[in-house]
Amino acid sequence: TVRWQNASVANHLPAIPGVTRTDDRTVTVDAPMPDLYR
């Protein structure tokens, strides 16, 4: 889970499959490591 200072970032990231925006500045994604790091 990543909380950004800029809502624009969280607005763009859900275009990546599996990424969910949980509020205006926060996104979350599930994956195994190290795929999650990539």
PDB file of all heavy atoms in Angstrom:
ATOM      1  N   THR A   1       0.858  -1.186   0.000  1.00  0.00           N
ATOM      2  CA  THR A   1       0.000   0.000   0.000  1.00  0.00           C
ATOM      3  C   THR A   1       0.890   1.230   0.000  1.00  0.00           C
ATOM      4  O   THR A   1       1.848   1.310   0.776  1.00  0.00           O
ATOM      5  CB  THR A   1      -0.910   0.023   1.240  1.00  0.00           C
ATOM      6  OG1 THR A   1      -1.679  -1.188   1.288  1.00  0.00           O
ATOM      7  CG2 THR A   1      -1.850   1.215   1.210  1.00  0.00           C
ATOM      8  N   VAL A   2       0.593   2.173  -0.886  1.00  0.00           N
ATOM      9  CA  VAL A   2       1.398   3.391  -1.014  1.00  0.00           C
ATOM     10  C   VAL A   2       0.474   4.602  -0.935  1.00  0.00           C
ATOM     11  O   VAL A   2      -0.517   4.694  -1.668  1.00  0.00           O
ATOM     12  CB  VAL A   2       2.176   3.426  -2.341  1.00  0.00           C
ATOM     13  CG1 VAL A   2       3.090   4.657  -2.385  1.00  0.00           C
ATOM     14  CG2 VAL A   2       2.990   2.155  -2.534  1.00  0.00           C
ATOM     15  N   ARG A   3       0.812   5.528  -0.025  1.00  0.00           N
ATOM     16  CA  ARG A   3       0.086   6.790   0.063  1.00  0.00           C
ATOM     17  C   ARG A   3       0.973   7.901  -0.491  1.00  0.00           C
ATOM     18  O   ARG A   3       2.072   8.136   0.003  1.00  0.00           O
ATOM     19  CB  ARG A   3      -0.314   7.088   1.502  1.00  0.00           C
ATOM     20  CG  ARG A   3      -1.163   8.363   1.635  1.00  0.00           C
ATOM     21  CD  ARG A   3      -1.848   8.444   2.983  1.00  0.00           C
ATOM     22  NE  ARG A   3      -2.635   9.663   3.130  1.00  0.00           N
ATOM     23  CZ  ARG A   3      -3.870   9.825   2.638  1.00  0.00           C
ATOM     24  NH1 ARG A   3      -4.443   8.844   1.956  1.00  0.00           N
ATOM     25  NH2 ARG A   3      -4.522  10.953   2.827  1.00  0.00           N
ATOM     26  N   TRP A   4       0.481   8.564  -1.528  1.00  0.00           N
ATOM     27  CA  TRP A   4       1.233   9.583  -2.240  1.00  0.00           C
ATOM     28  C   TRP A   4       0.868  10.972  -1.746  1.00  0.00           C
ATOM     29  O   TRP A   4      -0.237  11.193  -1.245  1.00  0.00           O
ATOM     30  CB  TRP A   4       0.939   9.500  -3.743  1.00  0.00           C
ATOM     31  CG  TRP A   4       1.203   8.147  -4.312  1.00  0.00           C
ATOM     32  CD1 TRP A   4       0.342   7.080  -4.355  1.00  0.00           C
ATOM     33  CD2 TRP A   4       2.423   7.689  -4.900  1.00  0.00           C
ATOM     34  NE1 TRP A   4       0.957   5.995  -4.939  1.00  0.00           N
ATOM     35  CE2 TRP A   4       2.222   6.335  -5.280  1.00  0.00           C
ATOM     36  CE3 TRP A   4       3.663   8.284  -5.148  1.00  0.00           C
ATOM     37  CZ2 TRP A   4       3.224   5.588  -5.888  1.00  0.00           C
ATOM     38  CZ3 TRP A   4       4.650   7.543  -5.758  1.00  0.00           C
ATOM     39  CH2 TRP A   4       4.424   6.200  -6.127  1.00  0.00           C
ATOM     40  N   GLN A   5       1.757  11.930  -1.919  1.00  0.00           N
ATOM     41  CA  GLN A   5       1.432  13.323  -1.654  1.00  0.00           C
ATOM     42  C   GLN A   5       0.528  13.887  -2.752  1.00  0.00           C
ATOM     43  O   GLN A   5      -0.308  14.743  -2.504  1.00  0.00           O
ATOM     44  CB  GLN A   5       2.719  14.162  -1.571  1.00  0.00           C
ATOM     45  CG  GLN A   5       3.556  13.903  -0.342  1.00  0.00           C
ATOM     46  CD  GLN A   5       3.010  14.582   0.900  1.00  0.00           C
ATOM     47  OE1 GLN A   5       2.062  15.365   0.834  1.00  0.00           O
ATOM     48  NE2 GLN A   5       3.591  14.269   2.039  1.00  0.00           N
ATOM     49  N   ASN A   6       0.690  13.390  -3.960  1.00  0.00           N
ATOM     50  CA  ASN A   6       0.018  13.939  -5.135  1.00  0.00           C
ATOM     51  C   ASN A   6      -1.103  12.999  -5.570  1.00  0.00           C
ATOM     52  O   ASN A   6      -0.848  11.846  -5.952  1.00  0.00           O
ATOM     53  CB  ASN A   6       1.056  14.107  -6.260  1.00  0.00           C
ATOM     54  CG  ASN A   6       0.527  14.881  -7.440  1.00  0.00           C
ATOM     55  OD1 ASN A   6      -0.649  14.813  -7.790  1.00  0.00           O
ATOM     56  ND2 ASN A   6       1.417  15.622  -8.086  1.00  0.00           N
ATOM     57  N   ALA A   7      -2.342  13.477  -5.541  1.00  0.00           N
ATOM     58  CA  ALA A   7      -3.478  12.643  -5.930  1.00  0.00           C
ATOM     59  C   ALA A   7      -3.412  12.232  -7.394  1.00  0.00           C
ATOM     60  O   ALA A   7      -4.000  11.215  -7.787  1.00  0.00           O
ATOM     61  CB  ALA A   7      -4.786  13.385  -5.654  1.00  0.00           C
ATOM     62  N   SER A   8      -2.684  12.990  -8.210  1.00  0.00           N
ATOM     63  CA  SER A   8      -2.570  12.653  -9.627  1.00  0.00           C
ATOM     64  C   SER A   8      -1.904  11.290  -9.820  1.00  0.00           C
ATOM     65  O   SER A   8      -2.270  10.537 -10.724  1.00  0.00           O
ATOM     66  CB  SER A   8      -1.778  13.734 -10.362  1.00  0.00           C
ATOM     67  OG  SER A   8      -1.669  13.435 -11.734  1.00  0.00           O
ATOM     68  N   VAL A   9      -0.916  10.973  -8.979  1.00  0.00           N
ATOM     69  CA  VAL A   9      -0.247   9.680  -9.088  1.00  0.00           C
ATOM     70  C   VAL A   9      -1.239   8.553  -8.823  1.00  0.00           C
ATOM     71  O   VAL A   9      -1.343   7.588  -9.595  1.00  0.00           O
ATOM     72  CB  VAL A   9       0.944   9.592  -8.121  1.00  0.00           C
ATOM     73  CG1 VAL A   9       1.617   8.225  -8.230  1.00  0.00           C
ATOM     74  CG2 VAL A   9       1.952  10.698  -8.404  1.00  0.00           C
ATOM     75  N   ALA A  10      -1.979   8.657  -7.741  1.00  0.00           N
ATOM     76  CA  ALA A  10      -2.961   7.620  -7.409  1.00  0.00           C
ATOM     77  C   ALA A  10      -4.053   7.522  -8.461  1.00  0.00           C
ATOM     78  O   ALA A  10      -4.649   6.450  -8.659  1.00  0.00           O
ATOM     79  CB  ALA A  10      -3.574   7.916  -6.042  1.00  0.00           C
ATOM     80  N   ASN A  11      -4.301   8.596  -9.159  1.00  0.00           N
ATOM     81  CA  ASN A  11      -5.310   8.593 -10.217  1.00  0.00           C
ATOM     82  C   ASN A  11      -4.852   7.803 -11.433  1.00  0.00           C
ATOM     83  O   ASN A  11      -5.663   7.185 -12.125  1.00  0.00           O
ATOM     84  CB  ASN A  11      -5.631  10.033 -10.621  1.00  0.00           C
ATOM     85  CG  ASN A  11      -6.800  10.123 -11.574  1.00  0.00           C
ATOM     86  OD1 ASN A  11      -7.845   9.529 -11.359  1.00  0.00           O
ATOM     87  ND2 ASN A  11      -6.627  10.884 -12.654  1.00  0.00           N
ATOM     88  N   HIS A  12      -3.541   7.783 -11.704  1.00  0.00           N
ATOM     89  CA  HIS A  12      -3.012   7.096 -12.884  1.00  0.00           C
ATOM     90  C   HIS A  12      -2.706   5.619 -12.637  1.00  0.00           C
ATOM     91  O   HIS A  12      -2.825   4.792 -13.548  1.00  0.00           O
ATOM     92  CB  HIS A  12      -1.739   7.797 -13.365  1.00  0.00           C
ATOM     93  CG  HIS A  12      -1.998   9.064 -14.121  1.00  0.00           C
ATOM     94  ND1 HIS A  12      -2.106   9.104 -15.488  1.00  0.00           N
ATOM     95  CD2 HIS A  12      -2.180  10.332 -13.686  1.00  0.00           C
ATOM     96  CE1 HIS A  12      -2.328  10.346 -15.878  1.00  0.00           C
ATOM     97  NE2 HIS A  12      -2.385  11.111 -14.801  1.00  0.00           N
ATOM     98  N   LEU A  13      -2.268   5.273 -11.435  1.00  0.00           N
ATOM     99  CA  LEU A  13      -1.762   3.921 -11.185  1.00  0.00           C
ATOM    100  C   LEU A  13      -2.788   2.803 -11.366  1.00  0.00           C
ATOM    101  O   LEU A  13      -2.399   1.695 -11.745  1.00  0.00           O
ATOM    102  CB  LEU A  13      -1.137   3.844  -9.794  1.00  0.00           C
ATOM    103  CG  LEU A  13       0.202   4.571  -9.658  1.00  0.00           C
ATOM    104  CD1 LEU A  13       0.657   4.576  -8.214  1.00  0.00           C
ATOM    105  CD2 LEU A  13       1.266   3.922 -10.537  1.00  0.00           C
ATOM    106  N   PRO A  14      -4.098   3.015 -11.141  1.00  0.00           N
ATOM    107  CA  PRO A  14      -5.040   1.914 -11.364  1.00  0.00           C
ATOM    108  C   PRO A  14      -5.140   1.438 -12.810  1.00  0.00           C
ATOM    109  O   PRO A  14      -5.779   0.411 -13.083  1.00  0.00           O
ATOM    110  CB  PRO A  14      -6.378   2.499 -10.868  1.00  0.00           C
ATOM    111  CG  PRO A  14      -5.981   3.493  -9.835  1.00  0.00           C
ATOM    112  CD  PRO A  14      -4.730   4.119 -10.393  1.00  0.00           C
ATOM    113  N   ALA A  15      -4.495   2.141 -13.744  1.00  0.00           N
ATOM    114  CA  ALA A  15      -4.410   1.628 -15.118  1.00  0.00           C
ATOM    115  C   ALA A  15      -3.560   0.374 -15.183  1.00  0.00           C
ATOM    116  O   ALA A  15      -3.643  -0.391 -16.155  1.00  0.00           O
ATOM    117  CB  ALA A  15      -3.840   2.703 -16.045  1.00  0.00           C
ATOM    118  N   ILE A  16      -2.733   0.133 -14.161  1.00  0.00           N
ATOM    119  CA  ILE A  16      -1.931  -1.083 -14.079  1.00  0.00           C
ATOM    120  C   ILE A  16      -2.817  -2.205 -13.536  1.00  0.00           C
ATOM    121  O   ILE A  16      -3.419  -2.049 -12.474  1.00  0.00           O
ATOM    122  CB  ILE A  16      -0.710  -0.883 -13.162  1.00  0.00           C
ATOM    123  CG1 ILE A  16       0.171   0.256 -13.687  1.00  0.00           C
ATOM    124  CG2 ILE A  16       0.088  -2.176 -13.042  1.00  0.00           C
ATOM    125  CD1 ILE A  16       1.279   0.654 -12.729  1.00  0.00           C
ATOM    126  N   PRO A  17      -2.959  -3.328 -14.236  1.00  0.00           N
ATOM    127  CA  PRO A  17      -3.819  -4.411 -13.746  1.00  0.00           C
ATOM    128  C   PRO A  17      -3.470  -4.835 -12.328  1.00  0.00           C
ATOM    129  O   PRO A  17      -2.298  -5.010 -11.985  1.00  0.00           O
ATOM    130  CB  PRO A  17      -3.554  -5.538 -14.754  1.00  0.00           C
ATOM    131  CG  PRO A  17      -3.142  -4.829 -16.009  1.00  0.00           C
ATOM    132  CD  PRO A  17      -2.362  -3.638 -15.547  1.00  0.00           C
ATOM    133  N   GLY A  18      -4.490  -4.958 -11.497  1.00  0.00           N
ATOM    134  CA  GLY A  18      -4.314  -5.399 -10.123  1.00  0.00           C
ATOM    135  C   GLY A  18      -4.181  -4.287  -9.119  1.00  0.00           C
ATOM    136  O   GLY A  18      -4.268  -4.523  -7.907  1.00  0.00           O
ATOM    137  N   VAL A  19      -3.963  -3.056  -9.595  1.00  0.00           N
ATOM    138  CA  VAL A  19      -3.795  -1.925  -8.681  1.00  0.00           C
ATOM    139  C   VAL A  19      -5.159  -1.298  -8.388  1.00  0.00           C
ATOM    140  O   VAL A  19      -5.938  -1.027  -9.306  1.00  0.00           O
ATOM    141  CB  VAL A  19      -2.844  -0.869  -9.276  1.00  0.00           C
ATOM    142  CG1 VAL A  19      -2.728   0.343  -8.340  1.00  0.00           C
ATOM    143  CG2 VAL A  19      -1.468  -1.480  -9.533  1.00  0.00           C
ATOM    144  N   THR A  20      -5.431  -1.063  -7.106  1.00  0.00           N
ATOM    145  CA  THR A  20      -6.696  -0.488  -6.676  1.00  0.00           C
ATOM    146  C   THR A  20      -6.437   0.816  -5.932  1.00  0.00           C
ATOM    147  O   THR A  20      -5.539   0.891  -5.092  1.00  0.00           O
ATOM    148  CB  THR A  20      -7.438  -1.456  -5.733  1.00  0.00           C
ATOM    149  OG1 THR A  20      -7.671  -2.686  -6.422  1.00  0.00           O
ATOM    150  CG2 THR A  20      -8.768  -0.873  -5.276  1.00  0.00           C
ATOM    151  N   ARG A  21      -7.231   1.821  -6.217  1.00  0.00           N
ATOM    152  CA  ARG A  21      -7.151   3.074  -5.463  1.00  0.00           C
ATOM    153  C   ARG A  21      -8.142   3.007  -4.312  1.00  0.00           C
ATOM    154  O   ARG A  21      -9.339   2.789  -4.524  1.00  0.00           O
ATOM    155  CB  ARG A  21      -7.457   4.273  -6.366  1.00  0.00           C
ATOM    156  CG  ARG A  21      -7.269   5.604  -5.676  1.00  0.00           C
ATOM    157  CD  ARG A  21      -7.410   6.769  -6.628  1.00  0.00           C
ATOM    158  NE  ARG A  21      -8.746   6.838  -7.211  1.00  0.00           N
ATOM    159  CZ  ARG A  21      -9.169   7.825  -7.991  1.00  0.00           C
ATOM    160  NH1 ARG A  21      -8.335   8.803  -8.316  1.00  0.00           N
ATOM    161  NH2 ARG A  21     -10.379   7.826  -8.480  1.00  0.00           N
ATOM    162  N   THR A  22      -7.667   3.194  -3.105  1.00  0.00           N
ATOM    163  CA  THR A  22      -8.532   3.083  -1.923  1.00  0.00           C
ATOM    164  C   THR A  22      -9.014   4.435  -1.419  1.00  0.00           C
ATOM    165  O   THR A  22      -9.982   4.494  -0.667  1.00  0.00           O
ATOM    166  CB  THR A  22      -7.808   2.343  -0.790  1.00  0.00           C
ATOM    167  OG1 THR A  22      -6.601   3.043  -0.459  1.00  0.00           O
ATOM    168  CG2 THR A  22      -7.460   0.926  -1.220  1.00  0.00           C
ATOM    169  N   ASP A  23      -8.322   5.509  -1.771  1.00  0.00           N
ATOM    170  CA  ASP A  23      -8.812   6.872  -1.569  1.00  0.00           C
ATOM    171  C   ASP A  23      -8.068   7.757  -2.556  1.00  0.00           C
ATOM    172  O   ASP A  23      -7.335   7.251  -3.414  1.00  0.00           O
ATOM    173  CB  ASP A  23      -8.673   7.341  -0.112  1.00  0.00           C
ATOM    174  CG  ASP A  23      -7.221   7.440   0.377  1.00  0.00           C
ATOM    175  OD1 ASP A  23      -6.332   7.810  -0.423  1.00  0.00           O
ATOM    176  OD2 ASP A  23      -6.978   7.147   1.560  1.00  0.00           O
ATOM    177  N   ASP A  24      -8.223   9.054  -2.457  1.00  0.00           N
ATOM    178  CA  ASP A  24      -7.679   9.955  -3.475  1.00  0.00           C
ATOM    179  C   ASP A  24      -6.170   9.833  -3.644  1.00  0.00           C
ATOM    180  O   ASP A  24      -5.641  10.101  -4.731  1.00  0.00           O
ATOM    181  CB  ASP A  24      -8.017  11.411  -3.135  1.00  0.00           C
ATOM    182  CG  ASP A  24      -9.435  11.781  -3.503  1.00  0.00           C
ATOM    183  OD1 ASP A  24     -10.112  10.954  -4.140  1.00  0.00           O
ATOM    184  OD2 ASP A  24      -9.880  12.891  -3.143  1.00  0.00           O
ATOM    185  N   ARG A  25      -5.441   9.448  -2.577  1.00  0.00           N
ATOM    186  CA  ARG A  25      -3.978   9.433  -2.647  1.00  0.00           C
ATOM    187  C   ARG A  25      -3.358   8.076  -2.325  1.00  0.00           C
ATOM    188  O   ARG A  25      -2.136   7.982  -2.226  1.00  0.00           O
ATOM    189  CB  ARG A  25      -3.407  10.501  -1.703  1.00  0.00           C
ATOM    190  CG  ARG A  25      -3.737  11.913  -2.129  1.00  0.00           C
ATOM    191  CD  ARG A  25      -2.962  12.966  -1.352  1.00  0.00           C
ATOM    192  NE  ARG A  25      -3.429  13.104   0.020  1.00  0.00           N
ATOM    193  CZ  ARG A  25      -2.667  12.970   1.085  1.00  0.00           C
ATOM    194  NH1 ARG A  25      -1.390  12.673   0.964  1.00  0.00           N
ATOM    195  NH2 ARG A  25      -3.168  13.135   2.295  1.00  0.00           N
ATOM    196  N   THR A  26      -4.164   7.037  -2.194  1.00  0.00           N
ATOM    197  CA  THR A  26      -3.639   5.742  -1.748  1.00  0.00           C
ATOM    198  C   THR A  26      -3.996   4.642  -2.731  1.00  0.00           C
ATOM    199  O   THR A  26      -5.133   4.554  -3.195  1.00  0.00           O
ATOM    200  CB  THR A  26      -4.196   5.379  -0.355  1.00  0.00           C
ATOM    201  OG1 THR A  26      -3.969   6.475   0.532  1.00  0.00           O
ATOM    202  CG2 THR A  26      -3.529   4.132   0.189  1.00  0.00           C
ATOM    203  N   VAL A  27      -3.000   3.811  -3.047  1.00  0.00           N
ATOM    204  CA  VAL A  27      -3.227   2.647  -3.911  1.00  0.00           C
ATOM    205  C   VAL A  27      -2.710   1.400  -3.216  1.00  0.00           C
ATOM    206  O   VAL A  27      -1.823   1.465  -2.354  1.00  0.00           O
ATOM    207  CB  VAL A  27      -2.543   2.800  -5.286  1.00  0.00           C
ATOM    208  CG1 VAL A  27      -3.104   3.981  -6.052  1.00  0.00           C
ATOM    209  CG2 VAL A  27      -1.033   2.913  -5.140  1.00  0.00           C
ATOM    210  N   THR A  28      -3.241   0.255  -3.613  1.00  0.00           N
ATOM    211  CA  THR A  28      -2.805  -1.013  -3.049  1.00  0.00           C
ATOM    212  C   THR A  28      -2.745  -2.062  -4.149  1.00  0.00           C
ATOM    213  O   THR A  28      -3.464  -1.978  -5.150  1.00  0.00           O
ATOM    214  CB  THR A  28      -3.750  -1.466  -1.911  1.00  0.00           C
ATOM    215  OG1 THR A  28      -3.212  -2.613  -1.271  1.00  0.00           O
ATOM    216  CG2 THR A  28      -5.148  -1.779  -2.434  1.00  0.00           C
ATOM    217  N   VAL A  29      -1.850  -3.043  -3.964  1.00  0.00           N
ATOM    218  CA  VAL A  29      -1.710  -4.121  -4.930  1.00  0.00           C
ATOM    219  C   VAL A  29      -1.182  -5.358  -4.209  1.00  0.00           C
ATOM    220  O   VAL A  29      -0.428  -5.238  -3.232  1.00  0.00           O
ATOM    221  CB  VAL A  29      -0.764  -3.713  -6.091  1.00  0.00           C
ATOM    222  CG1 VAL A  29       0.661  -3.485  -5.599  1.00  0.00           C
ATOM    223  CG2 VAL A  29      -0.800  -4.726  -7.223  1.00  0.00           C
ATOM    224  N   ASP A  30      -1.576  -6.540  -4.668  1.00  0.00           N
ATOM    225  CA  ASP A  30      -1.138  -7.805  -4.086  1.00  0.00           C
ATOM    226  C   ASP A  30      -0.318  -8.584  -5.107  1.00  0.00           C
ATOM    227  O   ASP A  30      -0.710  -8.711  -6.278  1.00  0.00           O
ATOM    228  CB  ASP A  30      -2.341  -8.667  -3.682  1.00  0.00           C
ATOM    229  CG  ASP A  30      -3.194  -8.027  -2.601  1.00  0.00           C
ATOM    230  OD1 ASP A  30      -2.664  -7.173  -1.865  1.00  0.00           O
ATOM    231  OD2 ASP A  30      -4.384  -8.372  -2.502  1.00  0.00           O
ATOM    232  N   ALA A  31       0.822  -9.105  -4.662  1.00  0.00           N
ATOM    233  CA  ALA A  31       1.688  -9.924  -5.515  1.00  0.00           C
ATOM    234  C   ALA A  31       2.753 -10.556  -4.628  1.00  0.00           C
ATOM    235  O   ALA A  31       3.025 -10.063  -3.527  1.00  0.00           O
ATOM    236  CB  ALA A  31       2.348  -9.096  -6.616  1.00  0.00           C
ATOM    237  N   PRO A  32       3.368 -11.642  -5.076  1.00  0.00           N
ATOM    238  CA  PRO A  32       4.500 -12.191  -4.318  1.00  0.00           C
ATOM    239  C   PRO A  32       5.749 -11.343  -4.507  1.00  0.00           C
ATOM    240  O   PRO A  32       5.905 -10.660  -5.510  1.00  0.00           O
ATOM    241  CB  PRO A  32       4.678 -13.586  -4.929  1.00  0.00           C
ATOM    242  CG  PRO A  32       4.137 -13.465  -6.312  1.00  0.00           C
ATOM    243  CD  PRO A  32       3.028 -12.459  -6.254  1.00  0.00           C
ATOM    244  N   MET A  33       6.628 -11.376  -3.525  1.00  0.00           N
ATOM    245  CA  MET A  33       7.961 -10.801  -3.684  1.00  0.00           C
ATOM    246  C   MET A  33       8.801 -11.793  -4.496  1.00  0.00           C
ATOM    247  O   MET A  33       8.618 -12.990  -4.351  1.00  0.00           O
ATOM    248  CB  MET A  33       8.618 -10.598  -2.316  1.00  0.00           C
ATOM    249  CG  MET A  33       8.117  -9.398  -1.554  1.00  0.00           C
ATOM    250  SD  MET A  33       8.756  -7.861  -2.283  1.00  0.00           S
ATOM    251  CE  MET A  33       8.410  -6.719  -0.936  1.00  0.00           C
ATOM    252  N   PRO A  34       9.736 -11.377  -5.333  1.00  0.00           N
ATOM    253  CA  PRO A  34      10.116  -9.993  -5.625  1.00  0.00           C
ATOM    254  C   PRO A  34       9.328  -9.340  -6.755  1.00  0.00           C
ATOM    255  O   PRO A  34       9.655  -8.232  -7.172  1.00  0.00           O
ATOM    256  CB  PRO A  34      11.591 -10.132  -5.997  1.00  0.00           C
ATOM    257  CG  PRO A  34      11.667 -11.470  -6.645  1.00  0.00           C
ATOM    258  CD  PRO A  34      10.667 -12.345  -5.929  1.00  0.00           C
ATOM    259  N   ASP A  35       8.276 -10.030  -7.262  1.00  0.00           N
ATOM    260  CA  ASP A  35       7.460  -9.417  -8.316  1.00  0.00           C
ATOM    261  C   ASP A  35       6.872  -8.090  -7.839  1.00  0.00           C
ATOM    262  O   ASP A  35       6.753  -7.136  -8.615  1.00  0.00           O
ATOM    263  CB  ASP A  35       6.327 -10.364  -8.719  1.00  0.00           C
ATOM    264  CG  ASP A  35       6.820 -11.692  -9.254  1.00  0.00           C
ATOM    265  OD1 ASP A  35       7.978 -11.749  -9.696  1.00  0.00           O
ATOM    266  OD2 ASP A  35       6.059 -12.677  -9.219  1.00  0.00           O
ATOM    267  N   LEU A  36       6.511  -8.041  -6.562  1.00  0.00           N
ATOM    268  CA  LEU A  36       5.940  -6.824  -6.003  1.00  0.00           C
ATOM    269  C   LEU A  36       6.951  -5.678  -6.049  1.00  0.00           C
ATOM    270  O   LEU A  36       6.588  -4.522  -6.292  1.00  0.00           O
ATOM    271  CB  LEU A  36       5.502  -7.082  -4.557  1.00  0.00           C
ATOM    272  CG  LEU A  36       4.547  -6.076  -3.926  1.00  0.00           C
ATOM    273  CD1 LEU A  36       3.222  -6.054  -4.676  1.00  0.00           C
ATOM    274  CD2 LEU A  36       4.305  -6.430  -2.461  1.00  0.00           C
ATOM    275  N   TYR A  37       8.220  -5.996  -5.834  1.00  0.00           N
ATOM    276  CA  TYR A  37       9.265  -4.971  -5.886  1.00  0.00           C
ATOM    277  C   TYR A  37       9.402  -4.416  -7.301  1.00  0.00           C
ATOM    278  O   TYR A  37       9.539  -3.213  -7.493  1.00  0.00           O
ATOM    279  CB  TYR A  37      10.591  -5.569  -5.410  1.00  0.00           C
ATOM    280  CG  TYR A  37      11.641  -4.532  -5.065  1.00  0.00           C
ATOM    281  CD1 TYR A  37      11.751  -4.035  -3.770  1.00  0.00           C
ATOM    282  CD2 TYR A  37      12.522  -4.054  -6.026  1.00  0.00           C
ATOM    283  CE1 TYR A  37      12.710  -3.082  -3.449  1.00  0.00           C
ATOM    284  CE2 TYR A  37      13.480  -3.100  -5.711  1.00  0.00           C
ATOM    285  CZ  TYR A  37      13.570  -2.624  -4.422  1.00  0.00           C
ATOM    286  OH  TYR A  37      14.515  -1.679  -4.107  1.00  0.00           O
ATOM    287  N   ARG A  38       9.348  -5.298  -8.279  1.00  0.00           N
ATOM    288  CA  ARG A  38       9.427  -4.846  -9.680  1.00  0.00           C
ATOM    289  C   ARG A  38       8.215  -3.979 -10.028  1.00  0.00           C
ATOM    290  O   ARG A  38       8.348  -2.949 -10.697  1.00  0.00           O
ATOM    291  CB  ARG A  38       9.516  -6.043 -10.613  1.00  0.00           C
ATOM    292  CG  ARG A  38       9.609  -5.663 -12.079  1.00  0.00           C
ATOM    293  CD  ARG A  38       9.926  -6.849 -12.952  1.00  0.00           C
ATOM    294  NE  ARG A  38      10.121  -6.450 -14.334  1.00  0.00           N
ATOM    295  CZ  ARG A  38      10.930  -7.072 -15.178  1.00  0.00           C
ATOM    296  NH1 ARG A  38      11.643  -8.113 -14.782  1.00  0.00           N
ATOM    297  NH2 ARG A  38      11.050  -6.661 -16.418  1.00  0.00           N
TER     298      ARG A  38
END
